[in-house]
Amino acid sequence: MSDSVLLMIYFADLFYRNRQEVIVTSSVVACEAAKILCAFLLIAKEGSWKKIFKEWTLVGALTASGLPAAIYALQNSLLQISYRNLDSLTFSILNQTKLLFTAFFTYVLLRQKQSVQQIGALCLLIIAAVLLSVGEGTSKGSSKSNTDDTLFYGIIPVLVASVLSGLASSLCQWASQVKKHSSYLMTIEMSVVGCLCLLASTFKSPDGEMIRRHGFFYGWTPLTWVPVIANAVGGILVGLVTSYAGGVRKGFVIVSALLVTALLQFIFDGKPPSLYCLAALPLVVVSISIYQKYPYRIKKKEE
């Protein structure tokens, strides 16, 4: 998933230099449409269309996927803004704070407890996020306006998106346990609702005015589809890793992705990570590793 983030940033910078910046709403809607297509193909491959069609209801779909979809739509818009104002490694590390908020909301909604080691890992994650927020917010750019842009259009949006991600993930987990929804079906439902919410917002948003004036695909080139498809496929693959490989292996994948992001950023951008990123990266790596390795275990009395 971090590789798709890198692609998003790389091509967004390319469009900006060419003065052909892609409209945020159009890129988000395209990502959701690509997810729908991928999910349809995977359901068709499994041959579970008949079972899904018999069990599916509109009320059930809105109950299970409506609210998370609206939350994810807002989250994706915030992430698109952050792509353009943070380097890939800073974004990736800050984005990992969604683990903290997911843990909080799963406890509130599902009473899912954390082990002592996991609480310690979450504290490390908070330290890394604060370090990046203070360090990156004051180091990027020599003028006050550049610093404010980094803070208000880079750091704050990705942190708010992390809160929304934690809430939406907890709601999805609740829906999966109560409604017994297929993960692919939830992907389709949430992407459809998300697209409808985004398209409805265009009636009053600056993006809507840009779309009406220049068209939905303003600024798009064939290269624009690369990060869009990578983002969609990455979301599907993360779900598959979680389902078939388990949470521990997913944790190692996330850690590896952060390291790969740092390497690819140096290769493509020609600049090493900042000192703040280098200080925060090991904290995030250790935090995620501990969190996945030491899950909460139910004691006999609790059983």
Protein backbone atom coordinates (compact mmCIF):
# COMPACT_ATOMS: atom_id res chain seq x y z
CA MET A 1 0.00 0.00 0.00
CA SER A 2 2.88 2.38 0.70
CA ASP A 3 4.14 1.78 -2.83
CA SER A 4 0.84 3.10 -4.19
CA VAL A 5 1.22 6.10 -1.90
CA LEU A 6 4.63 6.78 -3.42
CA LEU A 7 3.14 6.55 -6.91
CA MET A 8 0.36 8.96 -5.95
CA ILE A 9 2.89 11.52 -4.69
CA TYR A 10 5.25 11.10 -7.64
CA PHE A 11 2.58 11.60 -10.29
CA ALA A 12 0.84 14.38 -8.34
CA ASP A 13 4.13 16.28 -8.31
CA LEU A 14 4.52 15.62 -12.03
CA PHE A 15 1.09 17.04 -12.80
CA TYR A 16 1.76 20.06 -10.60
CA ARG A 17 5.00 20.87 -12.40
CA ASN A 18 3.16 20.64 -15.71
CA ARG A 19 0.29 22.81 -14.36
CA GLN A 20 -2.16 19.98 -15.00
CA GLU A 21 -3.17 19.12 -11.47
CA VAL A 22 -5.77 16.36 -11.35
CA ILE A 23 -9.04 17.22 -9.58
CA VAL A 24 -9.09 15.48 -6.19
CA THR A 25 -12.69 14.25 -6.45
CA SER A 26 -12.11 12.72 -9.87
CA SER A 27 -9.07 10.75 -8.70
CA VAL A 28 -10.87 9.48 -5.57
CA VAL A 29 -13.95 8.41 -7.55
CA ALA A 30 -11.70 6.66 -10.07
CA CYS A 31 -9.98 4.75 -7.24
CA GLU A 32 -13.33 3.63 -5.84
CA ALA A 33 -14.53 2.54 -9.29
CA ALA A 34 -11.36 0.49 -9.74
CA LYS A 35 -11.98 -1.19 -6.36
CA ILE A 36 -15.53 -2.09 -7.44
CA LEU A 37 -14.23 -3.66 -10.63
CA CYS A 38 -11.58 -5.66 -8.76
CA ALA A 39 -14.12 -6.90 -6.20
CA PHE A 40 -16.57 -7.93 -8.94
CA LEU A 41 -13.85 -9.93 -10.67
CA LEU A 42 -12.85 -11.67 -7.44
CA ILE A 43 -16.47 -12.56 -6.57
CA ALA A 44 -16.96 -13.92 -10.09
CA LYS A 45 -13.79 -16.00 -9.70
CA GLU A 46 -15.11 -17.48 -6.44
CA GLY A 47 -18.47 -18.25 -8.05
CA SER A 48 -20.44 -16.91 -5.08
CA TRP A 49 -22.77 -14.60 -7.01
CA LYS A 50 -25.93 -16.67 -6.37
CA LYS A 51 -25.43 -16.82 -2.61
CA ILE A 52 -24.70 -13.10 -2.38
CA PHE A 53 -27.69 -12.19 -4.57
CA LYS A 54 -30.10 -14.24 -2.43
CA GLU A 55 -28.87 -12.81 0.90
CA TRP A 56 -28.37 -9.18 -0.17
CA THR A 57 -30.86 -6.46 0.85
CA LEU A 58 -30.69 -2.70 0.48
CA VAL A 59 -31.39 -2.09 4.17
CA GLY A 60 -28.70 -4.57 5.18
CA ALA A 61 -26.20 -3.00 2.80
CA LEU A 62 -26.83 0.53 4.09
CA THR A 63 -26.67 -0.66 7.70
CA ALA A 64 -23.40 -2.53 7.24
CA SER A 65 -21.62 -0.31 4.74
CA GLY A 66 -23.34 3.08 4.51
CA LEU A 67 -21.71 4.92 7.41
CA PRO A 68 -18.22 3.42 6.94
CA ALA A 69 -18.42 4.28 3.24
CA ALA A 70 -19.23 7.93 3.93
CA ILE A 71 -16.38 8.08 6.46
CA TYR A 72 -13.92 6.46 4.04
CA ALA A 73 -14.96 8.90 1.30
CA LEU A 74 -14.03 11.84 3.52
CA GLN A 75 -10.85 10.07 4.61
CA ASN A 76 -9.75 9.49 1.01
CA SER A 77 -10.27 13.15 0.16
CA LEU A 78 -8.10 14.18 3.11
CA LEU A 79 -5.41 11.69 2.06
CA GLN A 80 -5.40 13.10 -1.46
CA ILE A 81 -4.67 16.55 -0.02
CA SER A 82 -1.86 15.16 2.12
CA TYR A 83 -0.26 13.38 -0.87
CA ARG A 84 0.58 16.77 -2.36
CA ASN A 85 2.05 18.33 0.78
CA LEU A 86 4.08 15.56 2.45
CA ASP A 87 6.87 13.33 1.20
CA SER A 88 6.03 9.64 0.93
CA LEU A 89 7.88 8.44 4.03
CA THR A 90 6.46 11.14 6.32
CA PHE A 91 2.99 10.39 5.02
CA SER A 92 3.43 6.64 5.49
CA ILE A 93 4.62 6.99 9.08
CA LEU A 94 1.87 9.43 10.09
CA ASN A 95 -0.68 7.20 8.38
CA GLN A 96 0.27 4.36 10.74
CA THR A 97 -1.37 6.25 13.62
CA LYS A 98 -4.62 4.76 12.32
CA LEU A 99 -3.60 1.67 14.33
CA LEU A 100 -3.93 3.72 17.51
CA PHE A 101 -7.39 4.99 16.65
CA THR A 102 -8.50 1.57 15.42
CA ALA A 103 -7.54 0.10 18.80
CA PHE A 104 -9.48 2.84 20.59
CA PHE A 105 -12.66 2.48 18.56
CA THR A 106 -12.63 -1.34 18.60
CA TYR A 107 -12.50 -1.15 22.39
CA VAL A 108 -15.39 1.33 22.47
CA LEU A 109 -17.57 -0.56 19.98
CA LEU A 110 -16.51 -4.19 20.50
CA ARG A 111 -14.83 -4.15 23.91
CA GLN A 112 -11.70 -5.62 22.32
CA LYS A 113 -8.93 -5.24 24.89
CA GLN A 114 -5.21 -4.62 24.35
CA SER A 115 -2.27 -6.33 26.04
CA VAL A 116 0.29 -4.37 28.08
CA GLN A 117 2.79 -4.76 25.25
CA GLN A 118 0.26 -3.45 22.73
CA ILE A 119 -0.44 -0.40 24.88
CA GLY A 120 3.31 0.25 25.03
CA ALA A 121 3.51 -0.12 21.25
CA LEU A 122 0.73 2.42 20.81
CA CYS A 123 2.59 4.86 23.06
CA LEU A 124 5.65 4.52 20.80
CA LEU A 125 3.40 5.28 17.86
CA ILE A 126 2.13 8.45 19.53
CA ILE A 127 5.72 9.59 20.18
CA ALA A 128 6.61 9.02 16.52
CA ALA A 129 3.55 10.97 15.35
CA VAL A 130 4.31 13.91 17.68
CA LEU A 131 7.96 13.89 16.61
CA LEU A 132 6.98 14.07 12.95
CA SER A 133 4.28 16.66 13.51
CA VAL A 134 6.58 19.04 15.37
CA GLY A 135 9.70 18.32 13.35
CA GLU A 136 8.25 18.31 9.85
CA GLY A 137 5.91 21.20 10.59
CA THR A 138 8.82 23.49 11.54
CA SER A 139 11.53 22.25 9.18
CA LYS A 140 9.88 22.25 5.75
CA GLY A 141 10.30 25.57 4.04
CA SER A 142 11.92 28.71 5.32
CA SER A 143 8.80 30.90 5.28
CA LYS A 144 5.83 30.86 7.59
CA SER A 145 3.45 30.16 4.71
CA ASN A 146 5.32 27.00 3.71
CA THR A 147 5.31 25.80 7.31
CA ASP A 148 1.58 26.48 7.61
CA ASP A 149 0.91 24.66 4.32
CA THR A 150 2.79 21.62 5.57
CA LEU A 151 0.89 21.64 8.86
CA PHE A 152 -2.64 22.47 7.69
CA TYR A 153 -2.59 20.75 4.28
CA GLY A 154 -0.25 17.87 5.06
CA ILE A 155 0.00 16.79 8.69
CA ILE A 156 -3.45 17.68 10.02
CA PRO A 157 -5.39 16.10 7.11
CA VAL A 158 -3.53 12.78 7.39
CA LEU A 159 -4.01 12.67 11.18
CA VAL A 160 -7.75 13.40 10.85
CA ALA A 161 -7.88 10.73 8.13
CA SER A 162 -6.27 8.30 10.56
CA VAL A 163 -8.99 8.98 13.14
CA LEU A 164 -11.66 8.40 10.50
CA SER A 165 -9.89 5.24 9.34
CA GLY A 166 -9.92 3.84 12.88
CA LEU A 167 -13.63 4.57 13.26
CA ALA A 168 -14.53 3.13 9.86
CA SER A 169 -12.40 0.00 10.42
CA SER A 170 -14.12 -0.65 13.74
CA LEU A 171 -17.54 -0.21 12.14
CA CYS A 172 -16.56 -2.64 9.37
CA GLN A 173 -15.38 -5.18 11.92
CA TRP A 174 -18.68 -4.83 13.76
CA ALA A 175 -20.64 -5.26 10.53
CA SER A 176 -18.56 -8.29 9.56
CA GLN A 177 -19.19 -10.03 12.88
CA VAL A 178 -22.88 -9.13 13.18
CA LYS A 179 -24.03 -9.07 9.54
CA LYS A 180 -21.62 -11.74 8.27
CA HIS A 181 -20.88 -9.70 5.16
CA SER A 182 -18.34 -10.88 2.60
CA SER A 183 -15.28 -8.63 2.49
CA TYR A 184 -15.60 -8.28 -1.29
CA LEU A 185 -19.29 -7.40 -1.00
CA MET A 186 -18.53 -4.76 1.60
CA THR A 187 -15.87 -3.33 -0.72
CA ILE A 188 -18.45 -2.96 -3.49
CA GLU A 189 -21.13 -1.47 -1.22
CA MET A 190 -18.78 0.98 0.44
CA SER A 191 -17.21 2.08 -2.82
CA VAL A 192 -20.63 2.68 -4.41
CA VAL A 193 -21.88 4.70 -1.43
CA GLY A 194 -18.58 6.56 -1.28
CA CYS A 195 -18.78 7.50 -4.96
CA LEU A 196 -22.37 8.73 -4.53
CA CYS A 197 -21.35 10.88 -1.55
CA LEU A 198 -18.43 12.37 -3.46
CA LEU A 199 -20.50 13.07 -6.57
CA ALA A 200 -23.21 14.68 -4.43
CA SER A 201 -20.60 16.96 -2.83
CA THR A 202 -19.61 18.31 -6.26
CA PHE A 203 -22.80 20.41 -6.43
CA LYS A 204 -21.35 22.88 -3.90
CA SER A 205 -17.59 22.15 -3.78
CA PRO A 206 -14.71 23.84 -5.65
CA ASP A 207 -13.95 20.45 -7.22
CA GLY A 208 -17.48 20.36 -8.62
CA GLU A 209 -16.99 23.76 -10.20
CA MET A 210 -13.70 22.57 -11.74
CA ILE A 211 -15.40 19.44 -13.10
CA ARG A 212 -18.24 21.44 -14.63
CA ARG A 213 -15.81 23.91 -16.15
CA HIS A 214 -13.06 21.60 -17.42
CA GLY A 215 -14.56 18.09 -17.34
CA PHE A 216 -14.20 15.08 -15.03
CA PHE A 217 -10.85 13.96 -16.47
CA TYR A 218 -9.20 17.38 -16.52
CA GLY A 219 -5.42 17.04 -16.25
CA TRP A 220 -5.51 13.25 -16.70
CA THR A 221 -2.97 11.38 -18.79
CA PRO A 222 -2.43 7.63 -19.26
CA LEU A 223 0.07 7.80 -16.38
CA THR A 224 -2.68 9.02 -14.04
CA TRP A 225 -4.19 5.54 -14.07
CA VAL A 226 -1.02 3.99 -12.63
CA PRO A 227 -1.47 5.29 -9.04
CA VAL A 228 -5.25 4.90 -9.29
CA ILE A 229 -5.05 1.21 -10.17
CA ALA A 230 -2.18 0.62 -7.73
CA ASN A 231 -4.23 2.16 -4.93
CA ALA A 232 -7.28 0.03 -5.74
CA VAL A 233 -5.37 -3.23 -6.10
CA GLY A 234 -3.39 -2.43 -2.95
CA GLY A 235 -6.61 -2.10 -0.95
CA ILE A 236 -7.84 -5.48 -2.19
CA LEU A 237 -4.49 -7.14 -1.48
CA VAL A 238 -4.35 -5.81 2.08
CA GLY A 239 -7.73 -7.43 2.72
CA LEU A 240 -6.52 -10.72 1.23
CA VAL A 241 -3.33 -10.68 3.33
CA THR A 242 -5.39 -10.14 6.47
CA SER A 243 -7.84 -12.94 5.57
CA TYR A 244 -5.39 -15.62 4.43
CA ALA A 245 -2.05 -14.78 6.09
CA GLY A 246 -3.20 -13.38 9.43
CA GLY A 247 -2.49 -10.21 11.37
CA VAL A 248 1.11 -11.02 12.30
CA ARG A 249 2.22 -11.46 8.69
CA LYS A 250 0.27 -8.34 7.75
CA GLY A 251 2.30 -6.45 10.36
CA PHE A 252 5.54 -7.60 8.78
CA VAL A 253 4.21 -6.54 5.37
CA ILE A 254 3.44 -3.05 6.71
CA VAL A 255 6.92 -2.73 8.24
CA SER A 256 8.54 -3.93 5.03
CA ALA A 257 6.44 -1.48 3.01
CA LEU A 258 7.70 1.43 5.11
CA LEU A 259 11.30 0.41 4.49
CA VAL A 260 10.64 -0.05 0.77
CA THR A 261 9.01 3.39 0.65
CA ALA A 262 12.14 4.97 2.14
CA LEU A 263 14.31 3.22 -0.44
CA LEU A 264 12.09 4.08 -3.41
CA GLN A 265 11.81 7.70 -2.30
CA PHE A 266 15.59 7.98 -2.42
CA ILE A 267 15.71 6.29 -5.84
CA PHE A 268 12.96 8.40 -7.47
CA ASP A 269 13.41 11.74 -5.70
CA GLY A 270 17.16 11.60 -5.19
CA LYS A 271 16.95 12.84 -1.60
CA PRO A 272 17.51 10.93 1.64
CA PRO A 273 14.84 10.89 4.38
CA SER A 274 14.91 13.81 6.82
CA LEU A 275 16.39 13.42 10.31
CA TYR A 276 12.89 13.50 11.78
CA CYS A 277 11.80 10.62 9.56
CA LEU A 278 14.92 8.65 10.41
CA ALA A 279 14.20 9.16 14.12
CA ALA A 280 10.50 8.27 13.82
CA LEU A 281 10.85 5.31 11.44
CA PRO A 282 12.41 2.87 13.97
CA LEU A 283 9.77 3.82 16.53
CA VAL A 284 7.02 2.93 14.05
CA VAL A 285 8.77 -0.30 13.02
CA VAL A 286 9.19 -1.43 16.63
CA SER A 287 5.65 -0.32 17.53
CA ILE A 288 3.93 -2.27 14.75
CA SER A 289 6.10 -5.34 15.34
CA ILE A 290 5.32 -5.44 19.08
CA TYR A 291 1.63 -4.78 18.50
CA GLN A 292 1.31 -7.72 16.12
CA LYS A 293 3.53 -10.09 18.12
CA TYR A 294 1.90 -9.72 21.53
CA PRO A 295 -1.90 -9.82 21.15
CA TYR A 296 -4.19 -9.74 24.15
CA ARG A 297 -4.81 -13.23 25.57
CA ILE A 298 -8.00 -14.04 27.45
CA LYS A 299 -7.36 -15.24 30.98
CA LYS A 300 -9.07 -18.32 32.34
CA LYS A 301 -11.24 -16.30 34.73
CA GLU A 302 -12.48 -14.18 31.82
CA GLU A 303 -13.37 -17.32 29.88
